[in-house]
Amino acid sequence: MAAISRDEVANLARLARITMTHPLAVNNVTREDLVLPSLTPTEALSGAPASDEGRFKVPQILGEE
């Protein structure tokens, strides 16, 4: 394995501290929240294969209760 010099380690440490910026200008990245009509819980669950107490019912995958 090749030896790494002290200067190479110092250079890597310096590179690790470089501040990364977004490649494109980022303007107006937030917007106001708008309250819009949406589905009722009953409408949302109407296409679900199974539901229980107003929630989607899915198969257990982690073996937890």
N, C-alpha and C. Protein backbone atom coordinates (compact mmCIF):
# COMPACT_ATOMS: atom_id res chain seq x y z
N MET A 1 0.85 -1.17 0.00
CA MET A 1 0.00 0.00 0.00
C MET A 1 0.90 1.24 0.00
N ALA A 2 0.55 2.23 -0.78
CA ALA A 2 1.36 3.44 -0.89
C ALA A 2 1.21 4.28 0.37
N ALA A 3 2.29 4.89 0.77
CA ALA A 3 2.26 5.76 1.94
C ALA A 3 1.67 7.11 1.55
N ILE A 4 0.97 7.72 2.47
CA ILE A 4 0.39 9.05 2.24
C ILE A 4 1.22 10.05 3.04
N SER A 5 1.64 11.08 2.37
CA SER A 5 2.48 12.08 3.04
C SER A 5 1.64 13.00 3.93
N ARG A 6 2.32 13.66 4.81
CA ARG A 6 1.68 14.64 5.70
C ARG A 6 1.02 15.75 4.88
N ASP A 7 1.66 16.18 3.80
CA ASP A 7 1.10 17.23 2.93
C ASP A 7 -0.18 16.76 2.25
N GLU A 8 -0.21 15.49 1.84
CA GLU A 8 -1.42 14.95 1.20
C GLU A 8 -2.58 14.89 2.20
N VAL A 9 -2.30 14.50 3.42
CA VAL A 9 -3.33 14.46 4.45
C VAL A 9 -3.83 15.87 4.73
N ALA A 10 -2.93 16.82 4.83
CA ALA A 10 -3.32 18.21 5.07
C ALA A 10 -4.17 18.74 3.91
N ASN A 11 -3.81 18.36 2.69
CA ASN A 11 -4.58 18.79 1.52
C ASN A 11 -6.00 18.20 1.56
N LEU A 12 -6.10 16.93 1.90
CA LEU A 12 -7.42 16.29 2.00
C LEU A 12 -8.26 16.94 3.10
N ALA A 13 -7.64 17.26 4.22
CA ALA A 13 -8.36 17.93 5.31
C ALA A 13 -8.85 19.29 4.85
N ARG A 14 -8.02 20.00 4.09
CA ARG A 14 -8.43 21.32 3.58
C ARG A 14 -9.60 21.17 2.61
N LEU A 15 -9.54 20.17 1.74
CA LEU A 15 -10.63 19.94 0.78
C LEU A 15 -11.93 19.56 1.48
N ALA A 16 -11.83 18.85 2.59
CA ALA A 16 -13.02 18.42 3.33
C ALA A 16 -13.76 19.61 3.93
N ARG A 17 -13.09 20.74 4.08
CA ARG A 17 -13.72 21.91 4.67
C ARG A 17 -14.27 22.88 3.63
N ILE A 18 -14.18 22.52 2.35
CA ILE A 18 -14.71 23.40 1.31
C ILE A 18 -16.22 23.50 1.46
N THR A 19 -16.74 24.70 1.44
CA THR A 19 -18.18 24.90 1.52
C THR A 19 -18.80 24.59 0.16
N MET A 20 -19.70 23.66 0.17
CA MET A 20 -20.37 23.29 -1.08
C MET A 20 -21.57 24.21 -1.26
N THR A 21 -21.77 24.68 -2.46
CA THR A 21 -22.90 25.53 -2.76
C THR A 21 -23.76 24.88 -3.82
N HIS A 22 -24.94 25.38 -3.99
CA HIS A 22 -25.85 24.87 -5.00
C HIS A 22 -25.32 25.27 -6.38
N PRO A 23 -25.33 24.38 -7.35
CA PRO A 23 -24.78 24.71 -8.66
C PRO A 23 -25.57 25.78 -9.41
N LEU A 24 -26.83 25.93 -9.07
CA LEU A 24 -27.68 26.95 -9.69
C LEU A 24 -28.16 27.92 -8.62
N ALA A 25 -28.44 29.13 -9.03
CA ALA A 25 -28.98 30.10 -8.08
C ALA A 25 -30.31 29.60 -7.52
N VAL A 26 -30.47 29.71 -6.22
CA VAL A 26 -31.69 29.25 -5.56
C VAL A 26 -32.43 30.48 -5.06
N ASN A 27 -33.53 30.79 -5.73
CA ASN A 27 -34.37 31.94 -5.35
C ASN A 27 -35.79 31.47 -5.17
N ASN A 28 -36.50 32.08 -4.24
CA ASN A 28 -37.91 31.77 -4.02
C ASN A 28 -38.13 30.27 -3.83
N VAL A 29 -37.39 29.67 -2.92
CA VAL A 29 -37.52 28.23 -2.71
C VAL A 29 -38.68 27.88 -1.78
N THR A 30 -39.32 28.89 -1.21
CA THR A 30 -40.48 28.62 -0.37
C THR A 30 -41.70 29.27 -0.99
N ARG A 31 -42.82 28.75 -0.65
CA ARG A 31 -44.08 29.32 -1.12
C ARG A 31 -45.06 29.32 0.03
N GLU A 32 -46.09 30.11 -0.11
CA GLU A 32 -47.13 30.13 0.91
C GLU A 32 -47.96 28.86 0.82
N ASP A 33 -48.39 28.35 1.96
CA ASP A 33 -49.28 27.20 1.97
C ASP A 33 -50.67 27.64 1.56
N LEU A 34 -51.30 26.84 0.72
CA LEU A 34 -52.65 27.12 0.29
C LEU A 34 -53.56 26.00 0.77
N VAL A 35 -54.65 26.36 1.41
CA VAL A 35 -55.63 25.37 1.83
C VAL A 35 -56.56 25.13 0.65
N LEU A 36 -56.56 23.91 0.15
CA LEU A 36 -57.38 23.54 -1.00
C LEU A 36 -58.31 22.39 -0.62
N PRO A 37 -59.39 22.23 -1.35
CA PRO A 37 -60.29 21.10 -1.07
C PRO A 37 -59.52 19.77 -1.19
N SER A 38 -59.83 18.84 -0.32
CA SER A 38 -59.18 17.55 -0.36
C SER A 38 -60.18 16.45 -0.04
N LEU A 39 -59.72 15.22 -0.06
CA LEU A 39 -60.59 14.09 0.21
C LEU A 39 -60.94 13.99 1.70
N THR A 40 -62.14 13.54 1.97
CA THR A 40 -62.51 13.22 3.35
C THR A 40 -61.83 11.89 3.70
N PRO A 41 -61.71 11.56 4.96
CA PRO A 41 -61.12 10.26 5.31
C PRO A 41 -61.86 9.09 4.66
N THR A 42 -63.17 9.16 4.60
CA THR A 42 -63.95 8.08 3.98
C THR A 42 -63.63 7.98 2.49
N GLU A 43 -63.53 9.12 1.80
CA GLU A 43 -63.19 9.11 0.38
C GLU A 43 -61.78 8.56 0.16
N ALA A 44 -60.85 8.94 1.02
CA ALA A 44 -59.47 8.48 0.87
C ALA A 44 -59.37 6.97 1.07
N LEU A 45 -60.14 6.43 2.00
CA LEU A 45 -60.08 5.00 2.29
C LEU A 45 -60.97 4.16 1.37
N SER A 46 -61.78 4.81 0.54
CA SER A 46 -62.73 4.07 -0.30
C SER A 46 -62.04 3.13 -1.28
N GLY A 47 -60.85 3.45 -1.72
CA GLY A 47 -60.14 2.58 -2.67
C GLY A 47 -59.14 1.65 -2.01
N ALA A 48 -59.05 1.69 -0.69
CA ALA A 48 -58.08 0.85 0.01
C ALA A 48 -58.56 -0.59 0.08
N PRO A 49 -57.66 -1.54 -0.09
CA PRO A 49 -58.07 -2.95 0.03
C PRO A 49 -58.55 -3.28 1.44
N ALA A 50 -58.00 -2.59 2.46
CA ALA A 50 -58.42 -2.83 3.84
C ALA A 50 -58.19 -1.57 4.66
N SER A 51 -59.07 -1.35 5.62
CA SER A 51 -58.91 -0.22 6.54
C SER A 51 -59.38 -0.65 7.92
N ASP A 52 -58.92 0.08 8.93
CA ASP A 52 -59.28 -0.24 10.30
C ASP A 52 -59.26 1.05 11.10
N GLU A 53 -60.35 1.39 11.74
CA GLU A 53 -60.48 2.59 12.56
C GLU A 53 -60.03 3.85 11.83
N GLY A 54 -60.44 3.98 10.57
CA GLY A 54 -60.14 5.18 9.81
C GLY A 54 -58.71 5.27 9.30
N ARG A 55 -58.01 4.14 9.27
CA ARG A 55 -56.62 4.12 8.80
C ARG A 55 -56.45 3.04 7.75
N PHE A 56 -55.45 3.23 6.87
CA PHE A 56 -55.11 2.18 5.91
C PHE A 56 -54.57 0.99 6.69
N LYS A 57 -55.00 -0.20 6.34
CA LYS A 57 -54.51 -1.41 6.99
C LYS A 57 -53.56 -2.11 6.01
N VAL A 58 -52.34 -2.33 6.47
CA VAL A 58 -51.33 -2.95 5.61
C VAL A 58 -50.75 -4.16 6.32
N PRO A 59 -50.15 -5.07 5.56
CA PRO A 59 -49.55 -6.25 6.19
C PRO A 59 -48.40 -5.86 7.12
N GLN A 60 -48.27 -6.59 8.20
CA GLN A 60 -47.20 -6.38 9.16
C GLN A 60 -45.88 -6.82 8.52
N ILE A 61 -44.83 -5.98 8.62
CA ILE A 61 -43.56 -6.35 7.99
C ILE A 61 -42.40 -6.45 8.97
N LEU A 62 -42.53 -5.93 10.16
CA LEU A 62 -41.42 -5.93 11.11
C LEU A 62 -41.57 -6.94 12.24
N GLY A 63 -42.66 -7.66 12.26
CA GLY A 63 -42.86 -8.63 13.32
C GLY A 63 -43.20 -8.02 14.67
N GLU A 64 -43.55 -6.73 14.66
CA GLU A 64 -43.92 -6.06 15.91
C GLU A 64 -45.42 -6.10 16.09
N GLU A 65 -45.87 -5.90 17.31
CA GLU A 65 -47.31 -5.86 17.56
C GLU A 65 -47.78 -4.46 17.72
